[in-house]
Amino acid sequence: MNFSHDVFFNTRSVRKYTDQDIPIETVDEIIKMAGQAPSGLNKQPWLYTIVKNIELKEKIKKECEKIEIDYYKRIKPKLKEAFLNMNLNIKKKFLTEAPYLVCVFAKKDTPYFVESTWLSIAWFILAANSFGLSTLTYTPERMGFLNSLLDISSEYLPQVILPLGFGEKKGGKQRKATEDIIRYYE
């Protein structure tokens, strides 16, 4: 396998992080790489915010856990059971364990702003993995609180919170076989 295969086949969502620090230059380089993603009309509608401040990470965690409590009250039992089987719950320790939280916003009123921003997020994840770092796409049901907490204009919609750090990667989960995800029309 070559480098690109390693990045694609070894990227995992990680919820447990070490406290090992990461140089800010590495974070900047990852975002620089993510910023090279294609975008509708080349508008590059994304905005990356980097949060290292522990008090601010605590505030983000507290808001996210409030949202999760409300969400868990309304989800169907089958989904709740699936979450429990995966050890997922309302506690989001990864939001304060990871050295950085990268909150990504998309500029509204830009053509294809959601699709373009998510392409950039995918590139961010792969770039982070290429540096041996881990992340997770965490998307609480409501994220508008990030605009006020991070002083971001309402012209931007929060898309995701990406914890970034050295993670504990567990065994790879079974992926669908290629023949199960592809159809040919000749």
C-alpha atoms as a PDB file:
ATOM      1  CA  MET A   1       0.000   0.000   0.000  1.00  0.00           C
ATOM      2  CA  ASN A   2       1.256   3.480  -0.781  1.00  0.00           C
ATOM      3  CA  PHE A   3       0.885   6.616   1.336  1.00  0.00           C
ATOM      4  CA  SER A   4      -2.532   7.560  -0.027  1.00  0.00           C
ATOM      5  CA  HIS A   5      -3.879   4.077   0.626  1.00  0.00           C
ATOM      6  CA  ASP A   6      -2.617   4.219   4.216  1.00  0.00           C
ATOM      7  CA  VAL A   7      -4.388   7.523   4.831  1.00  0.00           C
ATOM      8  CA  PHE A   8      -7.669   6.285   3.387  1.00  0.00           C
ATOM      9  CA  PHE A   9      -7.625   2.835   4.950  1.00  0.00           C
ATOM     10  CA  ASN A  10      -6.404   3.868   8.411  1.00  0.00           C
ATOM     11  CA  THR A  11      -8.593   6.897   9.087  1.00  0.00           C
ATOM     12  CA  ARG A  12     -10.995   6.244  11.968  1.00  0.00           C
ATOM     13  CA  SER A  13     -13.323   8.338  14.093  1.00  0.00           C
ATOM     14  CA  VAL A  14     -11.705   8.642  17.514  1.00  0.00           C
ATOM     15  CA  ARG A  15     -13.333   9.626  20.793  1.00  0.00           C
ATOM     16  CA  LYS A  16     -10.400   9.167  23.188  1.00  0.00           C
ATOM     17  CA  TYR A  17      -7.364  11.455  23.014  1.00  0.00           C
ATOM     18  CA  THR A  18      -4.038  11.760  24.775  1.00  0.00           C
ATOM     19  CA  ASP A  19      -2.957  15.106  26.203  1.00  0.00           C
ATOM     20  CA  GLN A  20       0.108  15.185  23.940  1.00  0.00           C
ATOM     21  CA  ASP A  21       0.388  18.681  22.481  1.00  0.00           C
ATOM     22  CA  ILE A  22       0.484  19.441  18.775  1.00  0.00           C
ATOM     23  CA  PRO A  23       2.458  22.367  17.375  1.00  0.00           C
ATOM     24  CA  ILE A  24       0.109  25.066  16.088  1.00  0.00           C
ATOM     25  CA  GLU A  25       2.115  25.026  12.850  1.00  0.00           C
ATOM     26  CA  THR A  26       0.878  21.475  12.261  1.00  0.00           C
ATOM     27  CA  VAL A  27      -2.727  22.558  12.778  1.00  0.00           C
ATOM     28  CA  ASP A  28      -2.169  25.468  10.393  1.00  0.00           C
ATOM     29  CA  GLU A  29      -0.720  23.112   7.768  1.00  0.00           C
ATOM     30  CA  ILE A  30      -3.697  20.746   8.076  1.00  0.00           C
ATOM     31  CA  ILE A  31      -6.100  23.643   7.558  1.00  0.00           C
ATOM     32  CA  LYS A  32      -3.991  24.907   4.670  1.00  0.00           C
ATOM     33  CA  MET A  33      -4.346  21.456   3.067  1.00  0.00           C
ATOM     34  CA  ALA A  34      -8.112  21.409   3.755  1.00  0.00           C
ATOM     35  CA  GLY A  35      -8.369  24.827   2.154  1.00  0.00           C
ATOM     36  CA  GLN A  36      -7.218  23.337  -1.151  1.00  0.00           C
ATOM     37  CA  ALA A  37     -10.483  21.404  -1.529  1.00  0.00           C
ATOM     38  CA  PRO A  38     -12.617  22.193  -4.557  1.00  0.00           C
ATOM     39  CA  SER A  39     -15.614  24.450  -3.989  1.00  0.00           C
ATOM     40  CA  GLY A  40     -18.609  25.695  -5.943  1.00  0.00           C
ATOM     41  CA  LEU A  41     -17.517  28.614  -8.122  1.00  0.00           C
ATOM     42  CA  ASN A  42     -14.241  28.542  -6.165  1.00  0.00           C
ATOM     43  CA  LYS A  43     -15.907  30.560  -3.389  1.00  0.00           C
ATOM     44  CA  GLN A  44     -14.220  28.576  -0.586  1.00  0.00           C
ATOM     45  CA  PRO A  45     -17.085  29.332   1.832  1.00  0.00           C
ATOM     46  CA  TRP A  46     -15.499  27.671   4.872  1.00  0.00           C
ATOM     47  CA  LEU A  47     -14.188  29.263   8.028  1.00  0.00           C
ATOM     48  CA  TYR A  48     -12.019  27.222  10.406  1.00  0.00           C
ATOM     49  CA  THR A  49     -11.782  28.272  14.043  1.00  0.00           C
ATOM     50  CA  ILE A  50      -9.165  26.733  16.325  1.00  0.00           C
ATOM     51  CA  VAL A  51      -9.947  26.424  20.028  1.00  0.00           C
ATOM     52  CA  LYS A  52      -7.170  25.510  22.444  1.00  0.00           C
ATOM     53  CA  ASN A  53      -8.372  27.499  25.469  1.00  0.00           C
ATOM     54  CA  ILE A  54      -9.599  24.989  28.059  1.00  0.00           C
ATOM     55  CA  GLU A  55     -12.264  27.297  29.524  1.00  0.00           C
ATOM     56  CA  LEU A  56     -13.734  27.818  26.079  1.00  0.00           C
ATOM     57  CA  LYS A  57     -13.590  24.077  25.355  1.00  0.00           C
ATOM     58  CA  GLU A  58     -15.431  23.484  28.654  1.00  0.00           C
ATOM     59  CA  LYS A  59     -18.173  25.936  27.617  1.00  0.00           C
ATOM     60  CA  ILE A  60     -18.529  24.189  24.258  1.00  0.00           C
ATOM     61  CA  LYS A  61     -18.695  20.794  25.986  1.00  0.00           C
ATOM     62  CA  LYS A  62     -21.327  22.026  28.454  1.00  0.00           C
ATOM     63  CA  GLU A  63     -23.534  23.371  25.646  1.00  0.00           C
ATOM     64  CA  CYS A  64     -23.125  20.190  23.601  1.00  0.00           C
ATOM     65  CA  GLU A  65     -24.047  17.966  26.524  1.00  0.00           C
ATOM     66  CA  LYS A  66     -27.204  20.049  27.170  1.00  0.00           C
ATOM     67  CA  ILE A  67     -28.191  19.523  23.550  1.00  0.00           C
ATOM     68  CA  GLU A  68     -27.435  15.798  23.820  1.00  0.00           C
ATOM     69  CA  ILE A  69     -29.653  15.442  26.925  1.00  0.00           C
ATOM     70  CA  ASP A  70     -32.558  16.930  24.988  1.00  0.00           C
ATOM     71  CA  TYR A  71     -31.782  14.791  21.928  1.00  0.00           C
ATOM     72  CA  TYR A  72     -31.584  11.539  23.907  1.00  0.00           C
ATOM     73  CA  LYS A  73     -35.034  12.236  25.393  1.00  0.00           C
ATOM     74  CA  ARG A  74     -36.539  12.193  21.889  1.00  0.00           C
ATOM     75  CA  ILE A  75     -34.698   9.446  20.013  1.00  0.00           C
ATOM     76  CA  LYS A  76     -36.318   6.130  19.245  1.00  0.00           C
ATOM     77  CA  PRO A  77     -35.409   3.199  21.508  1.00  0.00           C
ATOM     78  CA  LYS A  78     -33.766   1.291  18.651  1.00  0.00           C
ATOM     79  CA  LEU A  79     -31.392   4.193  17.922  1.00  0.00           C
ATOM     80  CA  LYS A  80     -30.699   4.676  21.637  1.00  0.00           C
ATOM     81  CA  GLU A  81     -29.814   0.981  21.883  1.00  0.00           C
ATOM     82  CA  ALA A  82     -27.485   1.280  18.877  1.00  0.00           C
ATOM     83  CA  PHE A  83     -25.740   4.217  20.556  1.00  0.00           C
ATOM     84  CA  LEU A  84     -25.341   2.262  23.782  1.00  0.00           C
ATOM     85  CA  ASN A  85     -23.897  -0.717  21.881  1.00  0.00           C
ATOM     86  CA  MET A  86     -21.267   1.647  20.471  1.00  0.00           C
ATOM     87  CA  ASN A  87     -20.597   3.175  23.924  1.00  0.00           C
ATOM     88  CA  LEU A  88     -22.009   6.533  22.800  1.00  0.00           C
ATOM     89  CA  ASN A  89     -23.777   8.707  25.353  1.00  0.00           C
ATOM     90  CA  ILE A  90     -24.421  12.297  26.354  1.00  0.00           C
ATOM     91  CA  LYS A  91     -20.969  12.732  27.907  1.00  0.00           C
ATOM     92  CA  LYS A  92     -18.556  14.265  25.398  1.00  0.00           C
ATOM     93  CA  LYS A  93     -15.175  14.059  27.142  1.00  0.00           C
ATOM     94  CA  PHE A  94     -13.368  14.190  23.806  1.00  0.00           C
ATOM     95  CA  LEU A  95     -14.305  17.876  23.553  1.00  0.00           C
ATOM     96  CA  THR A  96     -11.941  18.715  26.398  1.00  0.00           C
ATOM     97  CA  GLU A  97      -9.453  15.831  26.083  1.00  0.00           C
ATOM     98  CA  ALA A  98      -8.288  16.690  22.578  1.00  0.00           C
ATOM     99  CA  PRO A  99      -5.661  19.463  22.508  1.00  0.00           C
ATOM    100  CA  TYR A 100      -7.677  21.370  19.893  1.00  0.00           C
ATOM    101  CA  LEU A 101     -11.256  21.753  18.782  1.00  0.00           C
ATOM    102  CA  VAL A 102     -11.620  22.878  15.209  1.00  0.00           C
ATOM    103  CA  CYS A 103     -15.073  24.308  14.594  1.00  0.00           C
ATOM    104  CA  VAL A 104     -15.915  24.686  10.933  1.00  0.00           C
ATOM    105  CA  PHE A 105     -18.440  27.170   9.604  1.00  0.00           C
ATOM    106  CA  ALA A 106     -19.955  27.637   6.135  1.00  0.00           C
ATOM    107  CA  LYS A 107     -20.762  31.053   4.714  1.00  0.00           C
ATOM    108  CA  LYS A 108     -24.438  31.260   3.829  1.00  0.00           C
ATOM    109  CA  ASP A 109     -25.591  32.784   0.568  1.00  0.00           C
ATOM    110  CA  THR A 110     -22.628  31.250  -1.234  1.00  0.00           C
ATOM    111  CA  PRO A 111     -23.370  28.769  -4.019  1.00  0.00           C
ATOM    112  CA  TYR A 112     -23.035  25.179  -2.791  1.00  0.00           C
ATOM    113  CA  PHE A 113     -21.784  26.365   0.606  1.00  0.00           C
ATOM    114  CA  VAL A 114     -22.704  23.190   2.508  1.00  0.00           C
ATOM    115  CA  GLU A 115     -21.372  20.753  -0.099  1.00  0.00           C
ATOM    116  CA  SER A 116     -18.177  22.751  -0.578  1.00  0.00           C
ATOM    117  CA  THR A 117     -17.514  23.083   3.151  1.00  0.00           C
ATOM    118  CA  TRP A 118     -17.995  19.349   3.698  1.00  0.00           C
ATOM    119  CA  LEU A 119     -15.499  18.599   0.921  1.00  0.00           C
ATOM    120  CA  SER A 120     -13.019  20.753   2.794  1.00  0.00           C
ATOM    121  CA  ILE A 121     -13.868  18.958   6.050  1.00  0.00           C
ATOM    122  CA  ALA A 122     -13.150  15.609   4.380  1.00  0.00           C
ATOM    123  CA  TRP A 123      -9.792  16.951   3.224  1.00  0.00           C
ATOM    124  CA  PHE A 124      -9.133  18.162   6.793  1.00  0.00           C
ATOM    125  CA  ILE A 125      -9.756  14.658   8.151  1.00  0.00           C
ATOM    126  CA  LEU A 126      -7.412  13.059   5.619  1.00  0.00           C
ATOM    127  CA  ALA A 127      -4.755  15.744   6.173  1.00  0.00           C
ATOM    128  CA  ALA A 128      -4.933  15.220   9.954  1.00  0.00           C
ATOM    129  CA  ASN A 129      -4.504  11.482   9.462  1.00  0.00           C
ATOM    130  CA  SER A 130      -1.492  12.084   7.209  1.00  0.00           C
ATOM    131  CA  PHE A 131       0.176  13.757  10.229  1.00  0.00           C
ATOM    132  CA  GLY A 132      -0.692  10.785  12.454  1.00  0.00           C
ATOM    133  CA  LEU A 133      -3.475  12.718  14.171  1.00  0.00           C
ATOM    134  CA  SER A 134      -7.043  11.693  14.830  1.00  0.00           C
ATOM    135  CA  THR A 135     -10.375  13.449  14.720  1.00  0.00           C
ATOM    136  CA  LEU A 136     -14.106  12.874  14.764  1.00  0.00           C
ATOM    137  CA  THR A 137     -16.958  14.607  12.942  1.00  0.00           C
ATOM    138  CA  TYR A 138     -19.127  15.681  15.846  1.00  0.00           C
ATOM    139  CA  THR A 139     -22.364  17.343  14.778  1.00  0.00           C
ATOM    140  CA  PRO A 140     -24.686  18.080  17.678  1.00  0.00           C
ATOM    141  CA  GLU A 141     -28.288  18.639  16.676  1.00  0.00           C
ATOM    142  CA  ARG A 142     -28.039  22.405  17.227  1.00  0.00           C
ATOM    143  CA  MET A 143     -24.804  24.361  16.962  1.00  0.00           C
ATOM    144  CA  GLY A 144     -25.853  28.003  16.760  1.00  0.00           C
ATOM    145  CA  PHE A 145     -24.347  28.604  20.202  1.00  0.00           C
ATOM    146  CA  LEU A 146     -20.907  28.391  18.537  1.00  0.00           C
ATOM    147  CA  ASN A 147     -21.524  31.676  16.717  1.00  0.00           C
ATOM    148  CA  SER A 148     -21.903  33.592  19.963  1.00  0.00           C
ATOM    149  CA  LEU A 149     -19.262  31.672  21.925  1.00  0.00           C
ATOM    150  CA  LEU A 150     -16.665  32.184  19.187  1.00  0.00           C
ATOM    151  CA  ASP A 151     -17.904  35.621  18.083  1.00  0.00           C
ATOM    152  CA  ILE A 152     -18.638  34.466  14.530  1.00  0.00           C
ATOM    153  CA  SER A 153     -21.083  36.433  12.381  1.00  0.00           C
ATOM    154  CA  SER A 154     -24.503  34.868  11.761  1.00  0.00           C
ATOM    155  CA  GLU A 155     -23.692  34.882   8.034  1.00  0.00           C
ATOM    156  CA  TYR A 156     -21.789  31.670   8.858  1.00  0.00           C
ATOM    157  CA  LEU A 157     -23.515  28.405   9.797  1.00  0.00           C
ATOM    158  CA  PRO A 158     -21.651  26.010  12.081  1.00  0.00           C
ATOM    159  CA  GLN A 159     -21.145  22.632  10.391  1.00  0.00           C
ATOM    160  CA  VAL A 160     -19.023  20.454  12.647  1.00  0.00           C
ATOM    161  CA  ILE A 161     -16.788  20.293  15.690  1.00  0.00           C
ATOM    162  CA  LEU A 162     -13.573  18.379  15.007  1.00  0.00           C
ATOM    163  CA  PRO A 163     -11.530  17.387  18.059  1.00  0.00           C
ATOM    164  CA  LEU A 164      -7.912  17.105  16.948  1.00  0.00           C
ATOM    165  CA  GLY A 165      -5.175  15.196  18.689  1.00  0.00           C
ATOM    166  CA  PHE A 166      -3.315  11.958  19.102  1.00  0.00           C
ATOM    167  CA  GLY A 167      -6.061   9.418  19.539  1.00  0.00           C
ATOM    168  CA  GLU A 168      -6.401   5.889  20.715  1.00  0.00           C
ATOM    169  CA  LYS A 169      -7.311   4.033  17.554  1.00  0.00           C
ATOM    170  CA  LYS A 170      -9.032   0.763  18.162  1.00  0.00           C
ATOM    171  CA  GLY A 171      -9.439  -2.033  15.667  1.00  0.00           C
ATOM    172  CA  GLY A 172     -10.921  -1.189  12.325  1.00  0.00           C
ATOM    173  CA  LYS A 173     -14.623  -1.662  11.992  1.00  0.00           C
ATOM    174  CA  GLN A 174     -15.875  -3.910   9.264  1.00  0.00           C
ATOM    175  CA  ARG A 175     -16.488  -1.964   6.065  1.00  0.00           C
ATOM    176  CA  LYS A 176     -18.885  -2.947   3.320  1.00  0.00           C
ATOM    177  CA  ALA A 177     -17.349  -4.912   0.479  1.00  0.00           C
ATOM    178  CA  THR A 178     -16.612  -2.876  -2.645  1.00  0.00           C
ATOM    179  CA  GLU A 179     -19.136  -4.875  -4.655  1.00  0.00           C
ATOM    180  CA  ASP A 180     -21.802  -3.808  -2.139  1.00  0.00           C
ATOM    181  CA  ILE A 181     -21.215  -0.087  -2.699  1.00  0.00           C
ATOM    182  CA  ILE A 182     -20.731   0.066  -6.453  1.00  0.00           C
ATOM    183  CA  ARG A 183     -22.913  -0.427  -9.521  1.00  0.00           C
ATOM    184  CA  TYR A 184     -21.727  -0.458 -13.121  1.00  0.00           C
ATOM    185  CA  TYR A 185     -23.717   0.734 -16.102  1.00  0.00           C
ATOM    186  CA  GLU A 186     -21.939  -0.111 -19.333  1.00  0.00           C
END
